[in-house]
């Protein structure tokens, strides 16, 4: 049933927008629109340069593939994230594994924050 709804609304939206559209008649934003909204809010300024690049890459991955992929630590083992170092090196840019996971959670909150 969800597949039929995606066909009607478009595959570029995620489940959150599909539900909001159906339940509350909200216009569905595409993942790319959500990602661009985060970029416009200058959310990344609180991070160091390398950490900012990692978060921007995660944001681009969200726009292309959806939220599930950025939540997994496995994402640190694929392009373009591997361009920024090994998973251990990337996590060190955030200070610790917990701080990296916190940054990802903050990124998710920014994605679903209303404009």
PDB file of N, CA and C in Angstrom:
ATOM      1  N   UNK A   1       0.820  -1.193   0.000  1.00  0.00           N
ATOM      2  CA  UNK A   1       0.000   0.000   0.000  1.00  0.00           C
ATOM      3  C   UNK A   1       0.868   1.262   0.000  1.00  0.00           C
ATOM      4  N   UNK A   2       1.949   1.236   0.767  1.00  0.00           N
ATOM      5  CA  UNK A   2       2.843   2.396   0.811  1.00  0.00           C
ATOM      6  C   UNK A   2       3.439   2.649  -0.567  1.00  0.00           C
ATOM      7  N   UNK A   3       3.764   1.572  -1.280  1.00  0.00           N
ATOM      8  CA  UNK A   3       4.340   1.716  -2.621  1.00  0.00           C
ATOM      9  C   UNK A   3       3.381   2.470  -3.550  1.00  0.00           C
ATOM     10  N   UNK A   4       2.102   2.180  -3.462  1.00  0.00           N
ATOM     11  CA  UNK A   4       1.113   2.875  -4.285  1.00  0.00           C
ATOM     12  C   UNK A   4       1.055   4.358  -3.933  1.00  0.00           C
ATOM     13  N   UNK A   5       1.202   4.671  -2.644  1.00  0.00           N
ATOM     14  CA  UNK A   5       1.204   6.071  -2.214  1.00  0.00           C
ATOM     15  C   UNK A   5       2.439   6.799  -2.736  1.00  0.00           C
ATOM     16  N   UNK A   6       3.592   6.128  -2.659  1.00  0.00           N
ATOM     17  CA  UNK A   6       4.806   6.724  -3.219  1.00  0.00           C
ATOM     18  C   UNK A   6       4.636   6.985  -4.711  1.00  0.00           C
ATOM     19  N   UNK A   7       4.007   6.060  -5.419  1.00  0.00           N
ATOM     20  CA  UNK A   7       3.781   6.251  -6.851  1.00  0.00           C
ATOM     21  C   UNK A   7       2.903   7.464  -7.106  1.00  0.00           C
ATOM     22  N   UNK A   8       1.941   7.705  -6.219  1.00  0.00           N
ATOM     23  CA  UNK A   8       1.030   8.839  -6.391  1.00  0.00           C
ATOM     24  C   UNK A   8       1.708  10.170  -6.038  1.00  0.00           C
ATOM     25  N   UNK A   9       2.530  10.169  -5.017  1.00  0.00           N
ATOM     26  CA  UNK A   9       3.138  11.416  -4.532  1.00  0.00           C
ATOM     27  C   UNK A   9       4.519  11.645  -5.146  1.00  0.00           C
ATOM     28  N   UNK A  10       5.291  10.602  -5.278  1.00  0.00           N
ATOM     29  CA  UNK A  10       6.635  10.715  -5.829  1.00  0.00           C
ATOM     30  C   UNK A  10       7.629   9.979  -4.959  1.00  0.00           C
ATOM     31  N   UNK A  11       8.608   9.397  -5.563  1.00  0.00           N
ATOM     32  CA  UNK A  11       9.606   8.594  -4.858  1.00  0.00           C
ATOM     33  C   UNK A  11      10.667   9.446  -4.175  1.00  0.00           C
ATOM     34  N   UNK A  12      10.709  10.713  -4.444  1.00  0.00           N
ATOM     35  CA  UNK A  12      11.746  11.572  -3.888  1.00  0.00           C
ATOM     36  C   UNK A  12      11.414  12.094  -2.490  1.00  0.00           C
ATOM     37  N   UNK A  13      10.285  11.701  -1.953  1.00  0.00           N
ATOM     38  CA  UNK A  13       9.925  12.101  -0.590  1.00  0.00           C
ATOM     39  C   UNK A  13      10.186  10.915   0.326  1.00  0.00           C
ATOM     40  N   UNK A  14      10.403  11.201   1.607  1.00  0.00           N
ATOM     41  CA  UNK A  14      10.565  10.068   2.512  1.00  0.00           C
ATOM     42  C   UNK A  14       9.244   9.801   3.229  1.00  0.00           C
ATOM     43  N   UNK A  15       9.228   8.746   4.005  1.00  0.00           N
ATOM     44  CA  UNK A  15       7.990   8.301   4.642  1.00  0.00           C
ATOM     45  C   UNK A  15       7.379   9.378   5.534  1.00  0.00           C
ATOM     46  N   UNK A  16       8.212  10.143   6.224  1.00  0.00           N
ATOM     47  CA  UNK A  16       7.735  11.230   7.080  1.00  0.00           C
ATOM     48  C   UNK A  16       6.872  12.211   6.278  1.00  0.00           C
ATOM     49  N   UNK A  17       7.377  12.643   5.129  1.00  0.00           N
ATOM     50  CA  UNK A  17       6.619  13.593   4.305  1.00  0.00           C
ATOM     51  C   UNK A  17       5.379  12.969   3.706  1.00  0.00           C
ATOM     52  N   UNK A  18       5.465  11.707   3.370  1.00  0.00           N
ATOM     53  CA  UNK A  18       4.301  11.009   2.835  1.00  0.00           C
ATOM     54  C   UNK A  18       3.179  10.971   3.876  1.00  0.00           C
ATOM     55  N   UNK A  19       3.534  10.647   5.120  1.00  0.00           N
ATOM     56  CA  UNK A  19       2.542  10.599   6.199  1.00  0.00           C
ATOM     57  C   UNK A  19       1.971  11.984   6.484  1.00  0.00           C
ATOM     58  N   UNK A  20       2.839  12.998   6.562  1.00  0.00           N
ATOM     59  CA  UNK A  20       2.361  14.369   6.813  1.00  0.00           C
ATOM     60  C   UNK A  20       1.436  14.845   5.699  1.00  0.00           C
ATOM     61  N   UNK A  21       1.751  14.452   4.480  1.00  0.00           N
ATOM     62  CA  UNK A  21       0.914  14.838   3.347  1.00  0.00           C
ATOM     63  C   UNK A  21      -0.466  14.186   3.460  1.00  0.00           C
ATOM     64  N   UNK A  22      -0.491  12.919   3.787  1.00  0.00           N
ATOM     65  CA  UNK A  22      -1.765  12.206   3.872  1.00  0.00           C
ATOM     66  C   UNK A  22      -2.570  12.595   5.105  1.00  0.00           C
ATOM     67  N   UNK A  23      -1.906  12.694   6.246  1.00  0.00           N
ATOM     68  CA  UNK A  23      -2.621  12.934   7.498  1.00  0.00           C
ATOM     69  C   UNK A  23      -2.985  14.397   7.711  1.00  0.00           C
ATOM     70  N   UNK A  24      -2.102  15.302   7.297  1.00  0.00           N
ATOM     71  CA  UNK A  24      -2.295  16.716   7.623  1.00  0.00           C
ATOM     72  C   UNK A  24      -2.375  17.618   6.398  1.00  0.00           C
ATOM     73  N   UNK A  25      -2.416  17.017   5.214  1.00  0.00           N
ATOM     74  CA  UNK A  25      -2.510  17.757   3.956  1.00  0.00           C
ATOM     75  C   UNK A  25      -1.355  18.757   3.791  1.00  0.00           C
ATOM     76  N   UNK A  26      -0.193  18.395   4.344  1.00  0.00           N
ATOM     77  CA  UNK A  26       1.005  19.225   4.184  1.00  0.00           C
ATOM     78  C   UNK A  26       1.632  18.923   2.830  1.00  0.00           C
ATOM     79  N   UNK A  27       2.131  19.931   2.145  1.00  0.00           N
ATOM     80  CA  UNK A  27       2.814  19.635   0.878  1.00  0.00           C
ATOM     81  C   UNK A  27       4.087  18.831   1.174  1.00  0.00           C
ATOM     82  N   UNK A  28       4.273  17.727   0.474  1.00  0.00           N
ATOM     83  CA  UNK A  28       5.451  16.904   0.753  1.00  0.00           C
ATOM     84  C   UNK A  28       6.713  17.554   0.192  1.00  0.00           C
ATOM     85  N   UNK A  29       7.741  17.614   1.014  1.00  0.00           N
ATOM     86  CA  UNK A  29       9.040  18.100   0.557  1.00  0.00           C
ATOM     87  C   UNK A  29       9.854  16.904   0.084  1.00  0.00           C
ATOM     88  N   UNK A  30      10.620  17.111  -0.951  1.00  0.00           N
ATOM     89  CA  UNK A  30      11.520  16.040  -1.377  1.00  0.00           C
ATOM     90  C   UNK A  30      12.697  15.992  -0.408  1.00  0.00           C
ATOM     91  N   UNK A  31      13.411  14.890  -0.427  1.00  0.00           N
ATOM     92  CA  UNK A  31      14.604  14.785   0.418  1.00  0.00           C
ATOM     93  C   UNK A  31      15.608  15.870   0.042  1.00  0.00           C
ATOM     94  N   UNK A  32      15.709  16.176  -1.219  1.00  0.00           N
ATOM     95  CA  UNK A  32      16.636  17.217  -1.670  1.00  0.00           C
ATOM     96  C   UNK A  32      16.225  18.585  -1.118  1.00  0.00           C
ATOM     97  N   UNK A  33      14.921  18.875  -1.114  1.00  0.00           N
ATOM     98  CA  UNK A  33      14.444  20.141  -0.549  1.00  0.00           C
ATOM     99  C   UNK A  33      14.743  20.219   0.944  1.00  0.00           C
ATOM    100  N   UNK A  34      14.542  19.126   1.663  1.00  0.00           N
ATOM    101  CA  UNK A  34      14.858  19.104   3.098  1.00  0.00           C
ATOM    102  C   UNK A  34      16.352  19.343   3.321  1.00  0.00           C
ATOM    103  N   UNK A  35      17.183  18.678   2.526  1.00  0.00           N
ATOM    104  CA  UNK A  35      18.636  18.847   2.656  1.00  0.00           C
ATOM    105  C   UNK A  35      19.036  20.289   2.369  1.00  0.00           C
ATOM    106  N   UNK A  36      18.465  20.885   1.343  1.00  0.00           N
ATOM    107  CA  UNK A  36      18.782  22.275   1.008  1.00  0.00           C
ATOM    108  C   UNK A  36      18.337  23.233   2.108  1.00  0.00           C
ATOM    109  N   UNK A  37      17.222  22.937   2.758  1.00  0.00           N
ATOM    110  CA  UNK A  37      16.773  23.779   3.874  1.00  0.00           C
ATOM    111  C   UNK A  37      17.788  23.773   5.015  1.00  0.00           C
ATOM    112  N   UNK A  38      18.368  22.618   5.291  1.00  0.00           N
ATOM    113  CA  UNK A  38      19.393  22.534   6.342  1.00  0.00           C
ATOM    114  C   UNK A  38      20.612  23.362   5.939  1.00  0.00           C
ATOM    115  N   UNK A  39      21.018  23.248   4.692  1.00  0.00           N
ATOM    116  CA  UNK A  39      22.185  24.008   4.218  1.00  0.00           C
ATOM    117  C   UNK A  39      21.946  25.509   4.326  1.00  0.00           C
ATOM    118  N   UNK A  40      20.745  25.953   4.042  1.00  0.00           N
ATOM    119  CA  UNK A  40      20.424  27.389   4.104  1.00  0.00           C
ATOM    120  C   UNK A  40      20.472  27.935   5.530  1.00  0.00           C
ATOM    121  N   UNK A  41      20.237  27.077   6.525  1.00  0.00           N
ATOM    122  CA  UNK A  41      20.220  27.535   7.917  1.00  0.00           C
ATOM    123  C   UNK A  41      21.614  27.602   8.541  1.00  0.00           C
ATOM    124  N   UNK A  42      22.657  27.325   7.776  1.00  0.00           N
ATOM    125  CA  UNK A  42      24.032  27.368   8.281  1.00  0.00           C
ATOM    126  C   UNK A  42      24.215  26.516   9.528  1.00  0.00           C
ATOM    127  N   UNK A  43      23.603  25.393   9.553  1.00  0.00           N
ATOM    128  CA  UNK A  43      23.662  24.471  10.679  1.00  0.00           C
ATOM    129  C   UNK A  43      25.092  23.996  10.970  1.00  0.00           C
ATOM    130  N   UNK A  44      25.917  23.886   9.939  1.00  0.00           N
ATOM    131  CA  UNK A  44      27.237  23.277  10.073  1.00  0.00           C
ATOM    132  C   UNK A  44      28.283  24.164  10.727  1.00  0.00           C
ATOM    133  N   UNK A  45      27.987  25.416  10.965  1.00  0.00           N
ATOM    134  CA  UNK A  45      29.003  26.343  11.468  1.00  0.00           C
ATOM    135  C   UNK A  45      29.530  25.984  12.848  1.00  0.00           C
ATOM    136  N   UNK A  46      28.813  25.169  13.602  1.00  0.00           N
ATOM    137  CA  UNK A  46      29.270  24.820  14.948  1.00  0.00           C
ATOM    138  C   UNK A  46      30.293  23.683  14.953  1.00  0.00           C
ATOM    139  N   UNK A  47      30.630  23.164  13.790  1.00  0.00           N
ATOM    140  CA  UNK A  47      31.576  22.059  13.679  1.00  0.00           C
ATOM    141  C   UNK A  47      32.863  22.518  13.006  1.00  0.00           C
ATOM    142  N   UNK A  48      33.928  21.759  13.233  1.00  0.00           N
ATOM    143  CA  UNK A  48      35.195  22.002  12.561  1.00  0.00           C
ATOM    144  C   UNK A  48      35.072  21.721  11.072  1.00  0.00           C
ATOM    145  N   UNK A  49      36.061  22.150  10.321  1.00  0.00           N
ATOM    146  CA  UNK A  49      36.004  22.052   8.861  1.00  0.00           C
ATOM    147  C   UNK A  49      35.818  20.614   8.372  1.00  0.00           C
ATOM    148  N   UNK A  50      36.595  19.685   8.899  1.00  0.00           N
ATOM    149  CA  UNK A  50      36.502  18.294   8.443  1.00  0.00           C
ATOM    150  C   UNK A  50      35.173  17.668   8.864  1.00  0.00           C
ATOM    151  N   UNK A  51      34.749  17.908  10.091  1.00  0.00           N
ATOM    152  CA  UNK A  51      33.464  17.383  10.561  1.00  0.00           C
ATOM    153  C   UNK A  51      32.323  17.964   9.725  1.00  0.00           C
ATOM    154  N   UNK A  52      32.450  19.227   9.358  1.00  0.00           N
ATOM    155  CA  UNK A  52      31.429  19.869   8.527  1.00  0.00           C
ATOM    156  C   UNK A  52      31.332  19.173   7.169  1.00  0.00           C
ATOM    157  N   UNK A  53      32.454  18.814   6.586  1.00  0.00           N
ATOM    158  CA  UNK A  53      32.452  18.122   5.292  1.00  0.00           C
ATOM    159  C   UNK A  53      31.789  16.750   5.405  1.00  0.00           C
ATOM    160  N   UNK A  54      32.044  16.067   6.512  1.00  0.00           N
ATOM    161  CA  UNK A  54      31.425  14.756   6.742  1.00  0.00           C
ATOM    162  C   UNK A  54      29.908  14.907   6.841  1.00  0.00           C
ATOM    163  N   UNK A  55      29.446  15.886   7.602  1.00  0.00           N
ATOM    164  CA  UNK A  55      28.002  16.101   7.754  1.00  0.00           C
ATOM    165  C   UNK A  55      27.354  16.519   6.436  1.00  0.00           C
ATOM    166  N   UNK A  56      28.048  17.321   5.652  1.00  0.00           N
ATOM    167  CA  UNK A  56      27.520  17.697   4.336  1.00  0.00           C
ATOM    168  C   UNK A  56      27.401  16.475   3.436  1.00  0.00           C
ATOM    169  N   UNK A  57      28.381  15.573   3.504  1.00  0.00           N
ATOM    170  CA  UNK A  57      28.325  14.335   2.721  1.00  0.00           C
ATOM    171  C   UNK A  57      27.160  13.461   3.187  1.00  0.00           C
ATOM    172  N   UNK A  58      26.938  13.399   4.505  1.00  0.00           N
ATOM    173  CA  UNK A  58      25.797  12.648   5.027  1.00  0.00           C
ATOM    174  C   UNK A  58      24.479  13.265   4.565  1.00  0.00           C
ATOM    175  N   UNK A  59      24.433  14.575   4.517  1.00  0.00           N
ATOM    176  CA  UNK A  59      23.234  15.269   4.059  1.00  0.00           C
ATOM    177  C   UNK A  59      22.965  14.955   2.582  1.00  0.00           C
ATOM    178  N   UNK A  60      24.008  14.947   1.781  1.00  0.00           N
ATOM    179  CA  UNK A  60      23.856  14.589   0.366  1.00  0.00           C
ATOM    180  C   UNK A  60      23.409  13.133   0.221  1.00  0.00           C
ATOM    181  N   UNK A  61      23.943  12.264   1.075  1.00  0.00           N
ATOM    182  CA  UNK A  61      23.536  10.865   1.048  1.00  0.00           C
ATOM    183  C   UNK A  61      22.059  10.726   1.399  1.00  0.00           C
ATOM    184  N   UNK A  62      21.600  11.506   2.384  1.00  0.00           N
ATOM    185  CA  UNK A  62      20.181  11.513   2.730  1.00  0.00           C
ATOM    186  C   UNK A  62      19.352  11.930   1.519  1.00  0.00           C
ATOM    187  N   UNK A  63      19.760  12.999   0.841  1.00  0.00           N
ATOM    188  CA  UNK A  63      18.999  13.498  -0.313  1.00  0.00           C
ATOM    189  C   UNK A  63      18.897  12.440  -1.402  1.00  0.00           C
ATOM    190  N   UNK A  64      19.937  11.647  -1.574  1.00  0.00           N
ATOM    191  CA  UNK A  64      19.941  10.624  -2.622  1.00  0.00           C
ATOM    192  C   UNK A  64      19.267   9.325  -2.211  1.00  0.00           C
ATOM    193  N   UNK A  65      19.447   8.929  -0.935  1.00  0.00           N
ATOM    194  CA  UNK A  65      19.065   7.573  -0.556  1.00  0.00           C
ATOM    195  C   UNK A  65      18.081   7.461   0.597  1.00  0.00           C
ATOM    196  N   UNK A  66      17.937   8.497   1.416  1.00  0.00           N
ATOM    197  CA  UNK A  66      17.016   8.430   2.537  1.00  0.00           C
ATOM    198  C   UNK A  66      17.721   8.396   3.876  1.00  0.00           C
ATOM    199  N   UNK A  67      16.933   8.489   4.927  1.00  0.00           N
ATOM    200  CA  UNK A  67      17.440   8.648   6.291  1.00  0.00           C
ATOM    201  C   UNK A  67      18.124   7.387   6.817  1.00  0.00           C
ATOM    202  N   UNK A  68      17.666   6.219   6.399  1.00  0.00           N
ATOM    203  CA  UNK A  68      18.203   4.975   6.954  1.00  0.00           C
ATOM    204  C   UNK A  68      19.704   4.868   6.748  1.00  0.00           C
ATOM    205  N   UNK A  69      20.196   5.313   5.619  1.00  0.00           N
ATOM    206  CA  UNK A  69      21.609   5.153   5.305  1.00  0.00           C
ATOM    207  C   UNK A  69      22.519   6.011   6.167  1.00  0.00           C
ATOM    208  N   UNK A  70      22.066   7.175   6.595  1.00  0.00           N
ATOM    209  CA  UNK A  70      22.956   8.018   7.398  1.00  0.00           C
ATOM    210  C   UNK A  70      22.964   7.598   8.858  1.00  0.00           C
ATOM    211  N   UNK A  71      21.996   6.802   9.281  1.00  0.00           N
ATOM    212  CA  UNK A  71      21.926   6.358  10.669  1.00  0.00           C
ATOM    213  C   UNK A  71      22.883   5.216  10.972  1.00  0.00           C
ATOM    214  N   UNK A  72      23.351   4.539   9.968  1.00  0.00           N
ATOM    215  CA  UNK A  72      24.216   3.388  10.152  1.00  0.00           C
ATOM    216  C   UNK A  72      25.688   3.819  10.189  1.00  0.00           C
ATOM    217  N   UNK A  73      26.453   3.201  11.072  1.00  0.00           N
ATOM    218  CA  UNK A  73      27.897   3.461  11.119  1.00  0.00           C
ATOM    219  C   UNK A  73      28.569   2.945   9.847  1.00  0.00           C
ATOM    220  N   UNK A  74      27.916   2.020   9.150  1.00  0.00           N
ATOM    221  CA  UNK A  74      28.466   1.459   7.917  1.00  0.00           C
ATOM    222  C   UNK A  74      28.635   2.522   6.835  1.00  0.00           C
ATOM    223  N   UNK A  75      27.889   3.607   6.931  1.00  0.00           N
ATOM    224  CA  UNK A  75      27.979   4.668   5.934  1.00  0.00           C
ATOM    225  C   UNK A  75      29.382   5.264   5.898  1.00  0.00           C
ATOM    226  N   UNK A  76      30.110   5.148   6.998  1.00  0.00           N
ATOM    227  CA  UNK A  76      31.470   5.694   7.059  1.00  0.00           C
ATOM    228  C   UNK A  76      32.465   4.877   6.241  1.00  0.00           C
ATOM    229  N   UNK A  77      32.019   3.740   5.726  1.00  0.00           N
ATOM    230  CA  UNK A  77      32.895   2.847   4.960  1.00  0.00           C
ATOM    231  C   UNK A  77      32.665   2.942   3.462  1.00  0.00           C
ATOM    232  N   UNK A  78      31.828   3.884   3.020  1.00  0.00           N
ATOM    233  CA  UNK A  78      31.535   4.002   1.591  1.00  0.00           C
ATOM    234  C   UNK A  78      31.828   5.413   1.101  1.00  0.00           C
ATOM    235  N   UNK A  79      31.991   5.528  -0.211  1.00  0.00           N
ATOM    236  CA  UNK A  79      32.218   6.829  -0.837  1.00  0.00           C
ATOM    237  C   UNK A  79      30.984   7.684  -0.656  1.00  0.00           C
ATOM    238  N   UNK A  80      31.066   8.933  -0.518  1.00  0.00           N
ATOM    239  CA  UNK A  80      32.253   9.779  -0.476  1.00  0.00           C
ATOM    240  C   UNK A  80      32.857   9.912   0.920  1.00  0.00           C
ATOM    241  N   UNK A  81      32.267   9.260   1.931  1.00  0.00           N
ATOM    242  CA  UNK A  81      32.765   9.400   3.302  1.00  0.00           C
ATOM    243  C   UNK A  81      34.187   8.891   3.450  1.00  0.00           C
ATOM    244  N   UNK A  82      34.562   7.866   2.701  1.00  0.00           N
ATOM    245  CA  UNK A  82      35.914   7.334   2.801  1.00  0.00           C
ATOM    246  C   UNK A  82      36.956   8.349   2.348  1.00  0.00           C
ATOM    247  N   UNK A  83      36.534   9.358   1.607  1.00  0.00           N
ATOM    248  CA  UNK A  83      37.460  10.428   1.195  1.00  0.00           C
ATOM    249  C   UNK A  83      37.948  11.237   2.388  1.00  0.00           C
ATOM    250  N   UNK A  84      37.226  11.173   3.507  1.00  0.00           N
ATOM    251  CA  UNK A  84      37.565  11.962   4.694  1.00  0.00           C
ATOM    252  C   UNK A  84      38.328  11.154   5.736  1.00  0.00           C
ATOM    253  N   UNK A  85      38.660   9.909   5.400  1.00  0.00           N
ATOM    254  CA  UNK A  85      39.431   9.075   6.305  1.00  0.00           C
ATOM    255  C   UNK A  85      38.700   7.792   6.646  1.00  0.00           C
ATOM    256  N   UNK A  86      39.341   7.014   7.497  1.00  0.00           N
ATOM    257  CA  UNK A  86      38.733   5.769   7.962  1.00  0.00           C
ATOM    258  C   UNK A  86      37.612   6.116   8.945  1.00  0.00           C
ATOM    259  N   UNK A  87      36.748   5.160   9.258  1.00  0.00           N
ATOM    260  CA  UNK A  87      35.710   5.442  10.255  1.00  0.00           C
ATOM    261  C   UNK A  87      36.282   5.967  11.572  1.00  0.00           C
ATOM    262  N   UNK A  88      37.396   5.410  12.017  1.00  0.00           N
ATOM    263  CA  UNK A  88      38.017   5.863  13.272  1.00  0.00           C
ATOM    264  C   UNK A  88      38.486   7.311  13.143  1.00  0.00           C
ATOM    265  N   UNK A  89      39.107   7.651  12.014  1.00  0.00           N
ATOM    266  CA  UNK A  89      39.580   9.028  11.799  1.00  0.00           C
ATOM    267  C   UNK A  89      38.413  10.011  11.736  1.00  0.00           C
ATOM    268  N   UNK A  90      37.337   9.600  11.082  1.00  0.00           N
ATOM    269  CA  UNK A  90      36.159  10.468  10.982  1.00  0.00           C
ATOM    270  C   UNK A  90      35.564  10.710  12.367  1.00  0.00           C
ATOM    271  N   UNK A  91      35.419   9.663  13.133  1.00  0.00           N
ATOM    272  CA  UNK A  91      34.850   9.788  14.479  1.00  0.00           C
ATOM    273  C   UNK A  91      35.717  10.688  15.351  1.00  0.00           C
ATOM    274  N   UNK A  92      37.033  10.611  15.201  1.00  0.00           N
ATOM    275  CA  UNK A  92      37.938  11.472  15.973  1.00  0.00           C
ATOM    276  C   UNK A  92      37.702  12.948  15.677  1.00  0.00           C
ATOM    277  N   UNK A  93      37.263  13.262  14.465  1.00  0.00           N
ATOM    278  CA  UNK A  93      36.965  14.656  14.104  1.00  0.00           C
ATOM    279  C   UNK A  93      35.826  15.225  14.952  1.00  0.00           C
ATOM    280  N   UNK A  94      34.987  14.349  15.464  1.00  0.00           N
ATOM    281  CA  UNK A  94      33.867  14.772  16.301  1.00  0.00           C
ATOM    282  C   UNK A  94      34.201  14.682  17.791  1.00  0.00           C
ATOM    283  N   UNK A  95      35.308  14.061  18.109  1.00  0.00           N
ATOM    284  CA  UNK A  95      35.738  13.939  19.499  1.00  0.00           C
ATOM    285  C   UNK A  95      35.572  12.548  20.068  1.00  0.00           C
ATOM    286  N   UNK A  96      34.483  11.889  19.726  1.00  0.00           N
ATOM    287  CA  UNK A  96      34.213  10.529  20.202  1.00  0.00           C
ATOM    288  C   UNK A  96      33.072   9.937  19.381  1.00  0.00           C
ATOM    289  N   UNK A  97      32.872   8.634  19.557  1.00  0.00           N
ATOM    290  CA  UNK A  97      31.770   7.959  18.864  1.00  0.00           C
ATOM    291  C   UNK A  97      30.432   8.550  19.306  1.00  0.00           C
ATOM    292  N   UNK A  98      30.297   8.788  20.605  1.00  0.00           N
ATOM    293  CA  UNK A  98      29.056   9.354  21.120  1.00  0.00           C
ATOM    294  C   UNK A  98      28.782  10.737  20.540  1.00  0.00           C
ATOM    295  N   UNK A  99      29.815  11.555  20.405  1.00  0.00           N
ATOM    296  CA  UNK A  99      29.630  12.894  19.838  1.00  0.00           C
ATOM    297  C   UNK A  99      29.309  12.820  18.346  1.00  0.00           C
ATOM    298  N   UNK A 100      29.887  11.839  17.652  1.00  0.00           N
ATOM    299  CA  UNK A 100      29.531  11.635  16.245  1.00  0.00           C
ATOM    300  C   UNK A 100      28.058  11.270  16.137  1.00  0.00           C
ATOM    301  N   UNK A 101      27.615  10.299  16.943  1.00  0.00           N
ATOM    302  CA  UNK A 101      26.210   9.873  16.913  1.00  0.00           C
ATOM    303  C   UNK A 101      25.276  11.014  17.299  1.00  0.00           C
ATOM    304  N   UNK A 102      25.707  11.836  18.227  1.00  0.00           N
ATOM    305  CA  UNK A 102      24.928  13.016  18.615  1.00  0.00           C
ATOM    306  C   UNK A 102      24.822  13.997  17.445  1.00  0.00           C
ATOM    307  N   UNK A 103      25.915  14.169  16.703  1.00  0.00           N
ATOM    308  CA  UNK A 103      25.899  15.066  15.538  1.00  0.00           C
ATOM    309  C   UNK A 103      24.958  14.541  14.463  1.00  0.00           C
ATOM    310  N   UNK A 104      24.926  13.234  14.267  1.00  0.00           N
ATOM    311  CA  UNK A 104      24.007  12.640  13.283  1.00  0.00           C
ATOM    312  C   UNK A 104      22.571  12.842  13.739  1.00  0.00           C
ATOM    313  N   UNK A 105      22.308  12.649  15.020  1.00  0.00           N
ATOM    314  CA  UNK A 105      20.958  12.856  15.556  1.00  0.00           C
ATOM    315  C   UNK A 105      20.546  14.322  15.398  1.00  0.00           C
ATOM    316  N   UNK A 106      21.475  15.244  15.668  1.00  0.00           N
ATOM    317  CA  UNK A 106      21.194  16.674  15.464  1.00  0.00           C
ATOM    318  C   UNK A 106      20.896  16.973  14.002  1.00  0.00           C
ATOM    319  N   UNK A 107      21.637  16.320  13.104  1.00  0.00           N
ATOM    320  CA  UNK A 107      21.400  16.509  11.674  1.00  0.00           C
ATOM    321  C   UNK A 107      20.000  16.036  11.310  1.00  0.00           C
ATOM    322  N   UNK A 108      19.594  14.901  11.843  1.00  0.00           N
ATOM    323  CA  UNK A 108      18.243  14.409  11.588  1.00  0.00           C
ATOM    324  C   UNK A 108      17.188  15.384  12.113  1.00  0.00           C
ATOM    325  N   UNK A 109      17.422  15.926  13.302  1.00  0.00           N
ATOM    326  CA  UNK A 109      16.490  16.908  13.850  1.00  0.00           C
ATOM    327  C   UNK A 109      16.402  18.134  12.958  1.00  0.00           C
ATOM    328  N   UNK A 110      17.527  18.561  12.425  1.00  0.00           N
ATOM    329  CA  UNK A 110      17.529  19.707  11.513  1.00  0.00           C
ATOM    330  C   UNK A 110      16.759  19.389  10.233  1.00  0.00           C
ATOM    331  N   UNK A 111      16.893  18.175   9.751  1.00  0.00           N
ATOM    332  CA  UNK A 111      16.179  17.790   8.528  1.00  0.00           C
ATOM    333  C   UNK A 111      14.671  17.887   8.683  1.00  0.00           C
ATOM    334  N   UNK A 112      14.175  17.529   9.861  1.00  0.00           N
ATOM    335  CA  UNK A 112      12.730  17.489  10.059  1.00  0.00           C
ATOM    336  C   UNK A 112      12.193  18.695  10.830  1.00  0.00           C
ATOM    337  N   UNK A 113      13.061  19.648  11.067  1.00  0.00           N
ATOM    338  CA  UNK A 113      12.618  20.899  11.708  1.00  0.00           C
ATOM    339  C   UNK A 113      11.771  21.675  10.701  1.00  0.00           C
ATOM    340  N   UNK A 114      10.693  22.261  11.194  1.00  0.00           N
ATOM    341  CA  UNK A 114       9.877  23.061  10.273  1.00  0.00           C
ATOM    342  C   UNK A 114      10.586  24.364   9.979  1.00  0.00           C
ATOM    343  N   UNK A 115      10.433  24.813   8.772  1.00  0.00           N
ATOM    344  CA  UNK A 115      11.147  26.003   8.293  1.00  0.00           C
ATOM    345  C   UNK A 115      10.661  27.244   8.992  1.00  0.00           C
TER     346      UNK A 115
END
